[in-house]
Amino acid sequence: MNPFTKYNFIAVEGNIGAGKTTFCNRVAADFNCQLILESFEDNPFLPSFYQNPERYAFPVELFFMTERHKQLQEGLLEPELFKQGTVADYFFLKTLLFARNNLKAEEHRLFSRIFHVLNASFPKPDLLVYLHRSVDNLRANIDKRGREYEKDITNEYLQKIQNTYFEFFRTEMSIPILIVDVEKADFLNDHTTYQKLLELMTQDYRLGINYVTTNW
């Protein structure tokens, strides 16, 4: 049940607290694929952003964009030898989606121009997997992991991010997007649920949105 026999580059997306990194770490360990994880803890503006988003939105998004670009350039354009496929817990377009949600109109226009220059060299994922959870479930996961700089994240902010993702999905027809309801999923401890998601990732999907409803 190896998803990399079908898809070479799989991007796993989701809202804050959806379980992206936990799932990707497990996939990389099981299939010896190249792993790209977002280094969000290195962003020095992030704690200030959650406290005062209007003031710190532009530097926080600019830092994220440059760090993601560096990571993906190293991972996708200079892949590791002896690795089968790549899994990432984000895709570069996430940069523009969050900026659209957080920046003022003038800032977003400038940011967008820089983004499109940087994005030109990157391949799109062969499969985009979106792990969907309710805002209440996300909130519980965020509280459970106890990161100090995330304590100021509001439910309203989580809902805005979720809406931004789905607005994008409705217009993206160049890649297959697999949206999976993982409300009850525990990727760290529940092997059965993990295997079920892997099985979904070995199937063929049409371009655009593909919904999967589960009772996980």
N, C-alpha and C. Protein backbone atom coordinates (compact mmCIF):
# COMPACT_ATOMS: atom_id res chain seq x y z
N MET A 1 0.85 -1.20 0.00
CA MET A 1 0.00 0.00 0.00
C MET A 1 0.88 1.25 0.00
N ASN A 2 1.72 1.35 -1.02
CA ASN A 2 2.68 2.45 -1.11
C ASN A 2 2.16 3.52 -2.06
N PRO A 3 1.80 4.70 -1.56
CA PRO A 3 1.25 5.74 -2.44
C PRO A 3 2.25 6.27 -3.45
N PHE A 4 3.54 6.05 -3.22
CA PHE A 4 4.55 6.60 -4.10
C PHE A 4 4.79 5.74 -5.34
N THR A 5 4.11 4.61 -5.43
CA THR A 5 4.12 3.88 -6.69
C THR A 5 3.23 4.56 -7.72
N LYS A 6 2.33 5.43 -7.25
CA LYS A 6 1.43 6.17 -8.15
C LYS A 6 1.75 7.65 -8.20
N TYR A 7 2.09 8.24 -7.08
CA TYR A 7 2.34 9.69 -7.00
C TYR A 7 3.76 9.94 -6.50
N ASN A 8 4.51 10.72 -7.24
CA ASN A 8 5.90 10.99 -6.85
C ASN A 8 5.99 12.08 -5.79
N PHE A 9 5.15 13.11 -5.91
CA PHE A 9 5.19 14.24 -4.98
C PHE A 9 3.80 14.43 -4.39
N ILE A 10 3.67 14.17 -3.09
CA ILE A 10 2.40 14.29 -2.38
C ILE A 10 2.52 15.42 -1.35
N ALA A 11 1.64 16.39 -1.45
CA ALA A 11 1.57 17.48 -0.46
C ALA A 11 0.37 17.24 0.44
N VAL A 12 0.59 17.32 1.74
CA VAL A 12 -0.47 17.12 2.72
C VAL A 12 -0.77 18.47 3.35
N GLU A 13 -1.99 18.91 3.22
CA GLU A 13 -2.39 20.22 3.74
C GLU A 13 -3.51 20.08 4.76
N GLY A 14 -3.79 21.18 5.42
CA GLY A 14 -4.84 21.22 6.42
C GLY A 14 -4.68 22.46 7.27
N ASN A 15 -5.66 22.73 8.06
CA ASN A 15 -5.63 23.89 8.95
C ASN A 15 -4.63 23.66 10.07
N ILE A 16 -4.41 24.66 10.88
CA ILE A 16 -3.52 24.55 12.04
C ILE A 16 -4.11 23.51 13.00
N GLY A 17 -3.31 22.51 13.36
CA GLY A 17 -3.78 21.47 14.27
C GLY A 17 -4.46 20.30 13.60
N ALA A 18 -4.36 20.18 12.28
CA ALA A 18 -5.05 19.10 11.57
C ALA A 18 -4.32 17.77 11.65
N GLY A 19 -3.03 17.79 11.96
CA GLY A 19 -2.26 16.55 12.04
C GLY A 19 -1.35 16.31 10.86
N LYS A 20 -1.06 17.33 10.08
CA LYS A 20 -0.25 17.20 8.86
C LYS A 20 1.14 16.64 9.15
N THR A 21 1.82 17.26 10.10
CA THR A 21 3.21 16.90 10.37
C THR A 21 3.31 15.49 10.95
N THR A 22 2.42 15.15 11.86
CA THR A 22 2.41 13.80 12.44
C THR A 22 2.23 12.76 11.36
N PHE A 23 1.28 13.00 10.46
CA PHE A 23 1.02 12.04 9.40
C PHE A 23 2.21 11.93 8.45
N CYS A 24 2.78 13.06 8.05
CA CYS A 24 3.90 13.04 7.11
C CYS A 24 5.13 12.36 7.70
N ASN A 25 5.39 12.60 8.96
CA ASN A 25 6.52 11.93 9.61
C ASN A 25 6.36 10.42 9.56
N ARG A 26 5.15 9.95 9.78
CA ARG A 26 4.92 8.50 9.77
C ARG A 26 5.05 7.94 8.36
N VAL A 27 4.55 8.65 7.37
CA VAL A 27 4.67 8.21 5.98
C VAL A 27 6.15 8.11 5.58
N ALA A 28 6.93 9.12 5.91
CA ALA A 28 8.34 9.12 5.53
C ALA A 28 9.10 7.97 6.20
N ALA A 29 8.76 7.68 7.44
CA ALA A 29 9.43 6.60 8.15
C ALA A 29 9.08 5.24 7.54
N ASP A 30 7.85 5.09 7.09
CA ASP A 30 7.39 3.80 6.56
C ASP A 30 7.86 3.54 5.14
N PHE A 31 8.02 4.59 4.33
CA PHE A 31 8.30 4.38 2.90
C PHE A 31 9.64 4.93 2.44
N ASN A 32 10.46 5.41 3.36
CA ASN A 32 11.78 5.93 3.01
C ASN A 32 11.71 6.98 1.90
N CYS A 33 10.71 7.82 1.98
CA CYS A 33 10.58 8.89 0.99
C CYS A 33 11.21 10.17 1.55
N GLN A 34 11.44 11.10 0.67
CA GLN A 34 11.97 12.39 1.11
C GLN A 34 10.89 13.16 1.88
N LEU A 35 11.26 13.76 2.99
CA LEU A 35 10.32 14.44 3.87
C LEU A 35 10.65 15.93 3.91
N ILE A 36 9.63 16.76 3.64
CA ILE A 36 9.78 18.21 3.74
C ILE A 36 8.77 18.71 4.76
N LEU A 37 9.27 19.27 5.86
CA LEU A 37 8.41 19.77 6.92
C LEU A 37 8.61 21.27 7.09
N GLU A 38 7.52 21.97 7.30
CA GLU A 38 7.60 23.41 7.47
C GLU A 38 8.27 23.77 8.80
N SER A 39 9.22 24.71 8.75
CA SER A 39 9.94 25.13 9.97
C SER A 39 9.29 26.38 10.55
N PHE A 40 8.04 26.27 10.95
CA PHE A 40 7.30 27.45 11.41
C PHE A 40 7.81 27.97 12.75
N GLU A 41 8.43 27.11 13.56
CA GLU A 41 8.90 27.55 14.87
C GLU A 41 10.08 28.50 14.76
N ASP A 42 10.73 28.55 13.59
CA ASP A 42 11.86 29.45 13.40
C ASP A 42 11.43 30.87 13.05
N ASN A 43 10.14 31.08 12.82
CA ASN A 43 9.67 32.40 12.43
C ASN A 43 9.62 33.33 13.65
N PRO A 44 10.52 34.32 13.72
CA PRO A 44 10.59 35.17 14.92
C PRO A 44 9.40 36.10 15.09
N PHE A 45 8.60 36.27 14.01
CA PHE A 45 7.47 37.19 14.07
C PHE A 45 6.17 36.50 14.48
N LEU A 46 6.17 35.18 14.55
CA LEU A 46 4.92 34.45 14.75
C LEU A 46 4.24 34.75 16.08
N PRO A 47 4.93 34.72 17.22
CA PRO A 47 4.25 35.05 18.48
C PRO A 47 3.63 36.45 18.47
N SER A 48 4.35 37.41 17.91
CA SER A 48 3.83 38.79 17.85
C SER A 48 2.63 38.88 16.91
N PHE A 49 2.65 38.08 15.84
CA PHE A 49 1.54 38.10 14.88
C PHE A 49 0.24 37.65 15.54
N TYR A 50 0.28 36.58 16.31
CA TYR A 50 -0.95 36.08 16.93
C TYR A 50 -1.50 37.08 17.95
N GLN A 51 -0.62 37.91 18.52
CA GLN A 51 -1.07 38.93 19.47
C GLN A 51 -1.53 40.20 18.77
N ASN A 52 -0.87 40.56 17.66
CA ASN A 52 -1.19 41.78 16.94
C ASN A 52 -1.08 41.52 15.43
N PRO A 53 -2.06 40.82 14.85
CA PRO A 53 -1.95 40.40 13.45
C PRO A 53 -1.85 41.55 12.45
N GLU A 54 -2.52 42.64 12.70
CA GLU A 54 -2.50 43.73 11.74
C GLU A 54 -1.09 44.32 11.60
N ARG A 55 -0.37 44.41 12.68
CA ARG A 55 0.96 45.01 12.65
C ARG A 55 2.00 44.05 12.08
N TYR A 56 1.89 42.75 12.40
CA TYR A 56 2.96 41.82 12.09
C TYR A 56 2.64 40.87 10.92
N ALA A 57 1.53 41.06 10.25
CA ALA A 57 1.14 40.14 9.18
C ALA A 57 2.16 40.09 8.05
N PHE A 58 2.61 41.27 7.58
CA PHE A 58 3.50 41.27 6.43
C PHE A 58 4.85 40.61 6.74
N PRO A 59 5.55 40.97 7.83
CA PRO A 59 6.82 40.28 8.09
C PRO A 59 6.67 38.79 8.36
N VAL A 60 5.57 38.39 9.02
CA VAL A 60 5.41 36.96 9.30
C VAL A 60 5.21 36.18 8.01
N GLU A 61 4.43 36.73 7.07
CA GLU A 61 4.18 36.04 5.81
C GLU A 61 5.41 36.08 4.90
N LEU A 62 6.16 37.18 4.92
CA LEU A 62 7.37 37.27 4.10
C LEU A 62 8.42 36.27 4.58
N PHE A 63 8.55 36.14 5.89
CA PHE A 63 9.50 35.17 6.43
C PHE A 63 9.09 33.75 6.04
N PHE A 64 7.81 33.44 6.19
CA PHE A 64 7.33 32.11 5.80
C PHE A 64 7.61 31.83 4.33
N MET A 65 7.35 32.80 3.47
CA MET A 65 7.54 32.59 2.04
C MET A 65 9.00 32.29 1.71
N THR A 66 9.93 33.06 2.26
CA THR A 66 11.33 32.83 1.94
C THR A 66 11.83 31.50 2.50
N GLU A 67 11.38 31.14 3.70
CA GLU A 67 11.80 29.87 4.28
C GLU A 67 11.21 28.69 3.52
N ARG A 68 9.94 28.77 3.13
CA ARG A 68 9.33 27.69 2.34
C ARG A 68 10.01 27.55 0.99
N HIS A 69 10.34 28.68 0.38
CA HIS A 69 11.01 28.64 -0.92
C HIS A 69 12.36 27.95 -0.79
N LYS A 70 13.12 28.28 0.23
CA LYS A 70 14.43 27.66 0.44
C LYS A 70 14.29 26.16 0.66
N GLN A 71 13.33 25.76 1.49
CA GLN A 71 13.11 24.34 1.76
C GLN A 71 12.73 23.58 0.50
N LEU A 72 11.78 24.10 -0.25
CA LEU A 72 11.29 23.39 -1.43
C LEU A 72 12.34 23.38 -2.54
N GLN A 73 13.11 24.44 -2.64
CA GLN A 73 14.18 24.46 -3.63
C GLN A 73 15.19 23.35 -3.36
N GLU A 74 15.53 23.19 -2.10
CA GLU A 74 16.47 22.13 -1.74
C GLU A 74 15.83 20.75 -1.88
N GLY A 75 14.56 20.62 -1.50
CA GLY A 75 13.91 19.32 -1.49
C GLY A 75 13.42 18.84 -2.85
N LEU A 76 12.85 19.75 -3.64
CA LEU A 76 12.25 19.36 -4.91
C LEU A 76 13.21 19.47 -6.09
N LEU A 77 14.07 20.48 -6.06
CA LEU A 77 14.98 20.69 -7.18
C LEU A 77 16.32 19.99 -6.96
N GLU A 78 16.62 19.63 -5.71
CA GLU A 78 17.85 18.91 -5.40
C GLU A 78 17.50 17.73 -4.49
N PRO A 79 16.72 16.77 -5.00
CA PRO A 79 16.22 15.69 -4.14
C PRO A 79 17.33 14.77 -3.63
N GLU A 80 17.06 14.15 -2.49
CA GLU A 80 18.00 13.21 -1.90
C GLU A 80 18.10 11.95 -2.75
N LEU A 81 19.30 11.38 -2.80
CA LEU A 81 19.48 10.12 -3.49
C LEU A 81 18.87 8.98 -2.67
N PHE A 82 18.47 7.93 -3.36
CA PHE A 82 17.97 6.71 -2.73
C PHE A 82 16.66 6.92 -1.97
N LYS A 83 15.91 7.95 -2.36
CA LYS A 83 14.59 8.17 -1.78
C LYS A 83 13.53 7.99 -2.86
N GLN A 84 12.44 7.30 -2.52
CA GLN A 84 11.35 7.09 -3.46
C GLN A 84 10.23 8.07 -3.16
N GLY A 85 10.13 9.11 -3.97
CA GLY A 85 9.05 10.06 -3.80
C GLY A 85 9.32 11.09 -2.72
N THR A 86 8.40 12.06 -2.63
CA THR A 86 8.51 13.15 -1.66
C THR A 86 7.16 13.40 -1.03
N VAL A 87 7.14 13.59 0.28
CA VAL A 87 5.93 14.01 0.98
C VAL A 87 6.26 15.29 1.74
N ALA A 88 5.38 16.28 1.66
CA ALA A 88 5.56 17.56 2.34
C ALA A 88 4.31 17.89 3.13
N ASP A 89 4.49 18.55 4.27
CA ASP A 89 3.32 18.91 5.09
C ASP A 89 2.80 20.31 4.74
N TYR A 90 3.13 20.76 3.53
CA TYR A 90 2.56 21.99 2.97
C TYR A 90 2.89 22.02 1.50
N PHE A 91 2.22 22.89 0.75
CA PHE A 91 2.64 23.18 -0.62
C PHE A 91 2.79 24.69 -0.74
N PHE A 92 3.60 25.12 -1.71
CA PHE A 92 4.04 26.51 -1.71
C PHE A 92 2.88 27.49 -1.86
N LEU A 93 1.83 27.09 -2.54
CA LEU A 93 0.70 28.00 -2.73
C LEU A 93 0.04 28.36 -1.41
N LYS A 94 0.27 27.55 -0.39
CA LYS A 94 -0.22 27.91 0.95
C LYS A 94 0.23 29.31 1.33
N THR A 95 1.43 29.68 0.89
CA THR A 95 1.98 31.00 1.17
C THR A 95 1.04 32.11 0.72
N LEU A 96 0.52 31.95 -0.49
CA LEU A 96 -0.36 32.98 -1.04
C LEU A 96 -1.74 32.95 -0.38
N LEU A 97 -2.20 31.77 -0.03
CA LEU A 97 -3.52 31.65 0.62
C LEU A 97 -3.53 32.34 1.99
N PHE A 98 -2.50 32.10 2.78
CA PHE A 98 -2.43 32.74 4.09
C PHE A 98 -2.24 34.24 3.95
N ALA A 99 -1.44 34.65 2.96
CA ALA A 99 -1.24 36.09 2.74
C ALA A 99 -2.54 36.76 2.35
N ARG A 100 -3.33 36.10 1.51
CA ARG A 100 -4.62 36.64 1.10
C ARG A 100 -5.52 36.83 2.31
N ASN A 101 -5.40 35.95 3.26
CA ASN A 101 -6.24 35.99 4.45
C ASN A 101 -5.77 37.06 5.45
N ASN A 102 -4.45 37.33 5.47
CA ASN A 102 -3.88 38.14 6.55
C ASN A 102 -3.44 39.54 6.16
N LEU A 103 -3.17 39.79 4.88
CA LEU A 103 -2.57 41.06 4.48
C LEU A 103 -3.60 42.07 4.00
N LYS A 104 -3.24 43.33 4.13
CA LYS A 104 -4.03 44.40 3.54
C LYS A 104 -3.89 44.35 2.02
N ALA A 105 -4.80 45.01 1.32
CA ALA A 105 -4.83 44.92 -0.14
C ALA A 105 -3.52 45.36 -0.78
N GLU A 106 -2.95 46.47 -0.31
CA GLU A 106 -1.70 46.97 -0.90
C GLU A 106 -0.54 46.00 -0.62
N GLU A 107 -0.49 45.48 0.58
CA GLU A 107 0.56 44.53 0.93
C GLU A 107 0.40 43.24 0.11
N HIS A 108 -0.84 42.82 -0.06
CA HIS A 108 -1.07 41.57 -0.78
C HIS A 108 -0.66 41.68 -2.24
N ARG A 109 -0.88 42.83 -2.86
CA ARG A 109 -0.48 43.00 -4.26
C ARG A 109 1.03 42.86 -4.42
N LEU A 110 1.78 43.50 -3.52
CA LEU A 110 3.23 43.38 -3.56
C LEU A 110 3.67 41.96 -3.27
N PHE A 111 3.10 41.38 -2.24
CA PHE A 111 3.45 40.02 -1.84
C PHE A 111 3.18 39.04 -2.98
N SER A 112 2.05 39.19 -3.65
CA SER A 112 1.66 38.30 -4.73
C SER A 112 2.65 38.35 -5.89
N ARG A 113 3.15 39.53 -6.20
CA ARG A 113 4.13 39.66 -7.29
C ARG A 113 5.41 38.91 -6.95
N ILE A 114 5.86 39.01 -5.72
CA ILE A 114 7.06 38.30 -5.30
C ILE A 114 6.82 36.79 -5.32
N PHE A 115 5.65 36.40 -4.82
CA PHE A 115 5.32 34.97 -4.78
C PHE A 115 5.37 34.34 -6.16
N HIS A 116 4.77 34.95 -7.15
CA HIS A 116 4.68 34.34 -8.48
C HIS A 116 6.06 34.21 -9.12
N VAL A 117 6.96 35.11 -8.82
CA VAL A 117 8.34 34.96 -9.31
C VAL A 117 9.00 33.74 -8.68
N LEU A 118 8.84 33.59 -7.37
CA LEU A 118 9.46 32.48 -6.66
C LEU A 118 8.82 31.14 -7.00
N ASN A 119 7.53 31.15 -7.27
CA ASN A 119 6.79 29.91 -7.49
C ASN A 119 7.01 29.33 -8.89
N ALA A 120 7.55 30.12 -9.81
CA ALA A 120 7.62 29.70 -11.22
C ALA A 120 8.42 28.42 -11.42
N SER A 121 9.41 28.16 -10.56
CA SER A 121 10.29 27.01 -10.79
C SER A 121 9.83 25.72 -10.14
N PHE A 122 8.78 25.78 -9.30
CA PHE A 122 8.39 24.60 -8.54
C PHE A 122 7.37 23.74 -9.28
N PRO A 123 7.51 22.41 -9.24
CA PRO A 123 6.46 21.54 -9.77
C PRO A 123 5.26 21.53 -8.84
N LYS A 124 4.08 21.33 -9.39
CA LYS A 124 2.90 21.16 -8.56
C LYS A 124 2.89 19.73 -8.01
N PRO A 125 2.25 19.53 -6.86
CA PRO A 125 2.16 18.16 -6.34
C PRO A 125 1.34 17.27 -7.27
N ASP A 126 1.70 15.99 -7.31
CA ASP A 126 0.92 15.03 -8.10
C ASP A 126 -0.41 14.73 -7.42
N LEU A 127 -0.43 14.89 -6.10
CA LEU A 127 -1.66 14.71 -5.32
C LEU A 127 -1.59 15.65 -4.13
N LEU A 128 -2.68 16.39 -3.93
CA LEU A 128 -2.81 17.25 -2.75
C LEU A 128 -3.85 16.63 -1.83
N VAL A 129 -3.43 16.29 -0.62
CA VAL A 129 -4.33 15.69 0.37
C VAL A 129 -4.64 16.75 1.42
N TYR A 130 -5.91 17.04 1.62
CA TYR A 130 -6.32 18.02 2.62
C TYR A 130 -7.00 17.29 3.77
N LEU A 131 -6.42 17.41 4.97
CA LEU A 131 -6.97 16.79 6.17
C LEU A 131 -7.94 17.77 6.82
N HIS A 132 -9.22 17.43 6.77
CA HIS A 132 -10.26 18.36 7.23
C HIS A 132 -10.74 17.99 8.63
N ARG A 133 -10.72 18.96 9.52
CA ARG A 133 -11.29 18.82 10.86
C ARG A 133 -12.14 20.06 11.15
N SER A 134 -13.09 19.90 12.06
CA SER A 134 -13.90 21.04 12.49
C SER A 134 -13.03 22.00 13.30
N VAL A 135 -13.46 23.23 13.41
CA VAL A 135 -12.72 24.22 14.18
C VAL A 135 -12.59 23.80 15.64
N ASP A 136 -13.65 23.23 16.21
CA ASP A 136 -13.58 22.78 17.60
C ASP A 136 -12.52 21.70 17.79
N ASN A 137 -12.43 20.80 16.81
CA ASN A 137 -11.44 19.73 16.87
C ASN A 137 -10.03 20.28 16.71
N LEU A 138 -9.86 21.23 15.82
CA LEU A 138 -8.57 21.89 15.65
C LEU A 138 -8.15 22.59 16.95
N ARG A 139 -9.11 23.30 17.54
CA ARG A 139 -8.84 24.02 18.79
C ARG A 139 -8.37 23.07 19.89
N ALA A 140 -9.01 21.91 19.97
CA ALA A 140 -8.63 20.92 20.98
C ALA A 140 -7.22 20.41 20.74
N ASN A 141 -6.86 20.18 19.48
CA ASN A 141 -5.52 19.71 19.16
C ASN A 141 -4.47 20.77 19.45
N ILE A 142 -4.78 22.01 19.14
CA ILE A 142 -3.85 23.11 19.41
C ILE A 142 -3.61 23.24 20.91
N ASP A 143 -4.69 23.18 21.68
CA ASP A 143 -4.56 23.29 23.14
C ASP A 143 -3.77 22.10 23.71
N LYS A 144 -3.98 20.93 23.11
CA LYS A 144 -3.33 19.72 23.62
C LYS A 144 -1.82 19.78 23.44
N ARG A 145 -1.35 20.31 22.31
CA ARG A 145 0.10 20.33 22.10
C ARG A 145 0.77 21.48 22.86
N GLY A 146 0.03 22.47 23.31
CA GLY A 146 0.51 23.42 24.29
C GLY A 146 1.62 24.35 23.86
N ARG A 147 1.65 24.76 22.61
CA ARG A 147 2.67 25.71 22.18
C ARG A 147 2.27 27.11 22.65
N GLU A 148 3.17 27.76 23.35
CA GLU A 148 2.86 29.04 23.97
C GLU A 148 2.43 30.08 22.94
N TYR A 149 3.13 30.11 21.79
CA TYR A 149 2.84 31.15 20.80
C TYR A 149 1.53 30.91 20.05
N GLU A 150 0.89 29.73 20.26
CA GLU A 150 -0.39 29.45 19.60
C GLU A 150 -1.59 29.73 20.49
N LYS A 151 -1.35 30.15 21.72
CA LYS A 151 -2.46 30.31 22.67
C LYS A 151 -3.40 31.44 22.27
N ASP A 152 -2.92 32.38 21.44
CA ASP A 152 -3.75 33.51 21.03
C ASP A 152 -4.50 33.27 19.72
N ILE A 153 -4.37 32.09 19.14
CA ILE A 153 -5.12 31.78 17.92
C ILE A 153 -6.60 31.69 18.26
N THR A 154 -7.42 32.38 17.53
CA THR A 154 -8.87 32.38 17.80
C THR A 154 -9.59 31.41 16.88
N ASN A 155 -10.77 31.01 17.30
CA ASN A 155 -11.61 30.16 16.44
C ASN A 155 -11.99 30.89 15.15
N GLU A 156 -12.16 32.19 15.26
CA GLU A 156 -12.50 32.99 14.07
C GLU A 156 -11.38 32.94 13.05
N TYR A 157 -10.14 33.00 13.53
CA TYR A 157 -8.99 32.92 12.63
C TYR A 157 -8.93 31.55 11.95
N LEU A 158 -9.15 30.48 12.72
CA LEU A 158 -9.15 29.13 12.15
C LEU A 158 -10.23 28.99 11.09
N GLN A 159 -11.40 29.56 11.34
CA GLN A 159 -12.49 29.47 10.36
C GLN A 159 -12.14 30.24 9.08
N LYS A 160 -11.50 31.39 9.22
CA LYS A 160 -11.09 32.16 8.05
C LYS A 160 -10.08 31.40 7.20
N ILE A 161 -9.15 30.73 7.84
CA ILE A 161 -8.18 29.92 7.10
C ILE A 161 -8.89 28.79 6.35
N GLN A 162 -9.79 28.13 7.03
CA GLN A 162 -10.53 27.04 6.41
C GLN A 162 -11.31 27.53 5.20
N ASN A 163 -11.97 28.65 5.33
CA ASN A 163 -12.73 29.21 4.21
C ASN A 163 -11.81 29.55 3.03
N THR A 164 -10.62 30.07 3.33
CA THR A 164 -9.67 30.43 2.27
C THR A 164 -9.21 29.21 1.50
N TYR A 165 -8.93 28.12 2.20
CA TYR A 165 -8.56 26.88 1.53
C TYR A 165 -9.66 26.43 0.57
N PHE A 166 -10.90 26.40 1.05
CA PHE A 166 -11.98 25.87 0.23
C PHE A 166 -12.33 26.79 -0.94
N GLU A 167 -12.14 28.07 -0.77
CA GLU A 167 -12.31 28.98 -1.90
C GLU A 167 -11.30 28.66 -2.99
N PHE A 168 -10.06 28.38 -2.59
CA PHE A 168 -9.04 28.01 -3.56
C PHE A 168 -9.36 26.67 -4.23
N PHE A 169 -9.76 25.69 -3.44
CA PHE A 169 -10.03 24.36 -3.99
C PHE A 169 -11.10 24.40 -5.08
N ARG A 170 -12.07 25.28 -4.91
CA ARG A 170 -13.17 25.35 -5.90
C ARG A 170 -12.69 25.87 -7.26
N THR A 171 -11.53 26.51 -7.29
CA THR A 171 -11.03 27.08 -8.55
C THR A 171 -9.83 26.33 -9.11
N GLU A 172 -9.25 25.43 -8.36
CA GLU A 172 -8.03 24.72 -8.79
C GLU A 172 -8.39 23.44 -9.53
N MET A 173 -8.10 23.41 -10.83
CA MET A 173 -8.46 22.25 -11.64
C MET A 173 -7.23 21.62 -12.32
N SER A 174 -6.03 21.98 -11.88
CA SER A 174 -4.84 21.46 -12.54
C SER A 174 -4.22 20.28 -11.80
N ILE A 175 -4.67 20.02 -10.55
CA ILE A 175 -4.15 18.89 -9.78
C ILE A 175 -5.31 18.19 -9.09
N PRO A 176 -5.17 16.89 -8.79
CA PRO A 176 -6.20 16.21 -7.98
C PRO A 176 -6.09 16.62 -6.52
N ILE A 177 -7.22 16.98 -5.92
CA ILE A 177 -7.27 17.40 -4.52
C ILE A 177 -8.16 16.42 -3.77
N LEU A 178 -7.58 15.70 -2.84
CA LEU A 178 -8.31 14.73 -2.04
C LEU A 178 -8.61 15.33 -0.68
N ILE A 179 -9.89 15.62 -0.42
CA ILE A 179 -10.31 16.19 0.86
C ILE A 179 -10.90 15.07 1.71
N VAL A 180 -10.26 14.82 2.85
CA VAL A 180 -10.66 13.70 3.71
C VAL A 180 -11.08 14.22 5.07
N ASP A 181 -12.25 13.79 5.50
CA ASP A 181 -12.74 14.13 6.84
C ASP A 181 -12.01 13.26 7.85
N VAL A 182 -11.16 13.88 8.68
CA VAL A 182 -10.37 13.11 9.66
C VAL A 182 -10.71 13.57 11.09
N GLU A 183 -11.95 13.91 11.30
CA GLU A 183 -12.38 14.48 12.58
C GLU A 183 -11.96 13.64 13.78
N LYS A 184 -12.07 12.32 13.65
CA LYS A 184 -11.76 11.45 14.79
C LYS A 184 -10.41 10.77 14.66
N ALA A 185 -9.63 11.12 13.65
CA ALA A 185 -8.39 10.40 13.37
C ALA A 185 -7.29 10.74 14.36
N ASP A 186 -6.53 9.73 14.74
CA ASP A 186 -5.34 9.88 15.58
C ASP A 186 -4.20 9.19 14.84
N PHE A 187 -3.43 9.95 14.06
CA PHE A 187 -2.41 9.35 13.20
C PHE A 187 -1.22 8.81 13.99
N LEU A 188 -1.07 9.23 15.21
CA LEU A 188 0.05 8.78 16.01
C LEU A 188 -0.20 7.40 16.62
N ASN A 189 -1.44 7.16 17.06
CA ASN A 189 -1.73 5.95 17.83
C ASN A 189 -2.67 4.96 17.15
N ASP A 190 -3.40 5.40 16.14
CA ASP A 190 -4.41 4.54 15.51
C ASP A 190 -3.88 4.03 14.17
N HIS A 191 -3.37 2.80 14.17
CA HIS A 191 -2.78 2.24 12.95
C HIS A 191 -3.83 1.98 11.88
N THR A 192 -5.02 1.59 12.28
CA THR A 192 -6.07 1.28 11.31
C THR A 192 -6.46 2.51 10.51
N THR A 193 -6.66 3.63 11.20
CA THR A 193 -7.00 4.87 10.51
C THR A 193 -5.88 5.31 9.58
N TYR A 194 -4.67 5.19 10.04
CA TYR A 194 -3.51 5.54 9.22
C TYR A 194 -3.48 4.72 7.94
N GLN A 195 -3.72 3.43 8.05
CA GLN A 195 -3.72 2.55 6.88
C GLN A 195 -4.85 2.88 5.92
N LYS A 196 -5.98 3.27 6.45
CA LYS A 196 -7.12 3.64 5.59
C LYS A 196 -6.79 4.88 4.76
N LEU A 197 -6.13 5.83 5.36
CA LEU A 197 -5.76 7.03 4.62
C LEU A 197 -4.69 6.71 3.57
N LEU A 198 -3.75 5.85 3.90
CA LEU A 198 -2.76 5.42 2.92
C LEU A 198 -3.43 4.76 1.73
N GLU A 199 -4.43 3.94 2.00
CA GLU A 199 -5.14 3.26 0.92
C GLU A 199 -5.82 4.26 -0.01
N LEU A 200 -6.41 5.30 0.56
CA LEU A 200 -7.03 6.34 -0.26
C LEU A 200 -6.00 7.02 -1.15
N MET A 201 -4.77 7.12 -0.67
CA MET A 201 -3.72 7.82 -1.41
C MET A 201 -3.09 6.97 -2.50
N THR A 202 -3.55 5.74 -2.67
CA THR A 202 -3.07 4.89 -3.75
C THR A 202 -4.04 4.83 -4.92
N GLN A 203 -5.14 5.54 -4.82
CA GLN A 203 -6.17 5.46 -5.85
C GLN A 203 -6.05 6.60 -6.86
N ASP A 204 -6.76 6.43 -8.00
CA ASP A 204 -6.79 7.46 -9.04
C ASP A 204 -7.87 8.48 -8.72
N TYR A 205 -7.58 9.76 -8.99
CA TYR A 205 -8.55 10.82 -8.75
C TYR A 205 -8.56 11.77 -9.95
N ARG A 206 -9.74 12.33 -10.20
CA ARG A 206 -9.87 13.32 -11.26
C ARG A 206 -9.23 14.64 -10.80
N LEU A 207 -8.95 15.50 -11.75
CA LEU A 207 -8.44 16.82 -11.42
C LEU A 207 -9.51 17.62 -10.69
N GLY A 208 -9.09 18.45 -9.73
CA GLY A 208 -10.05 19.21 -8.94
C GLY A 208 -10.39 18.47 -7.66
N ILE A 209 -11.52 18.83 -7.06
CA ILE A 209 -11.89 18.34 -5.73
C ILE A 209 -12.43 16.90 -5.78
N ASN A 210 -11.95 16.09 -4.84
CA ASN A 210 -12.45 14.74 -4.61
C ASN A 210 -12.72 14.62 -3.11
N TYR A 211 -13.99 14.51 -2.73
CA TYR A 211 -14.35 14.43 -1.32
C TYR A 211 -14.41 12.97 -0.86
N VAL A 212 -13.95 12.72 0.35
CA VAL A 212 -14.12 11.41 0.97
C VAL A 212 -14.69 11.63 2.37
N THR A 213 -15.87 11.11 2.61
CA THR A 213 -16.49 11.21 3.93
C THR A 213 -16.21 9.92 4.71
N THR A 214 -15.73 10.05 5.92
CA THR A 214 -15.39 8.90 6.73
C THR A 214 -16.05 9.01 8.10
N ASN A 215 -15.94 7.94 8.86
CA ASN A 215 -16.37 7.99 10.27
C ASN A 215 -15.18 7.71 11.18
N TRP A 216 -13.98 8.10 10.69
CA TRP A 216 -12.77 7.88 11.48
C TRP A 216 -12.78 8.73 12.74
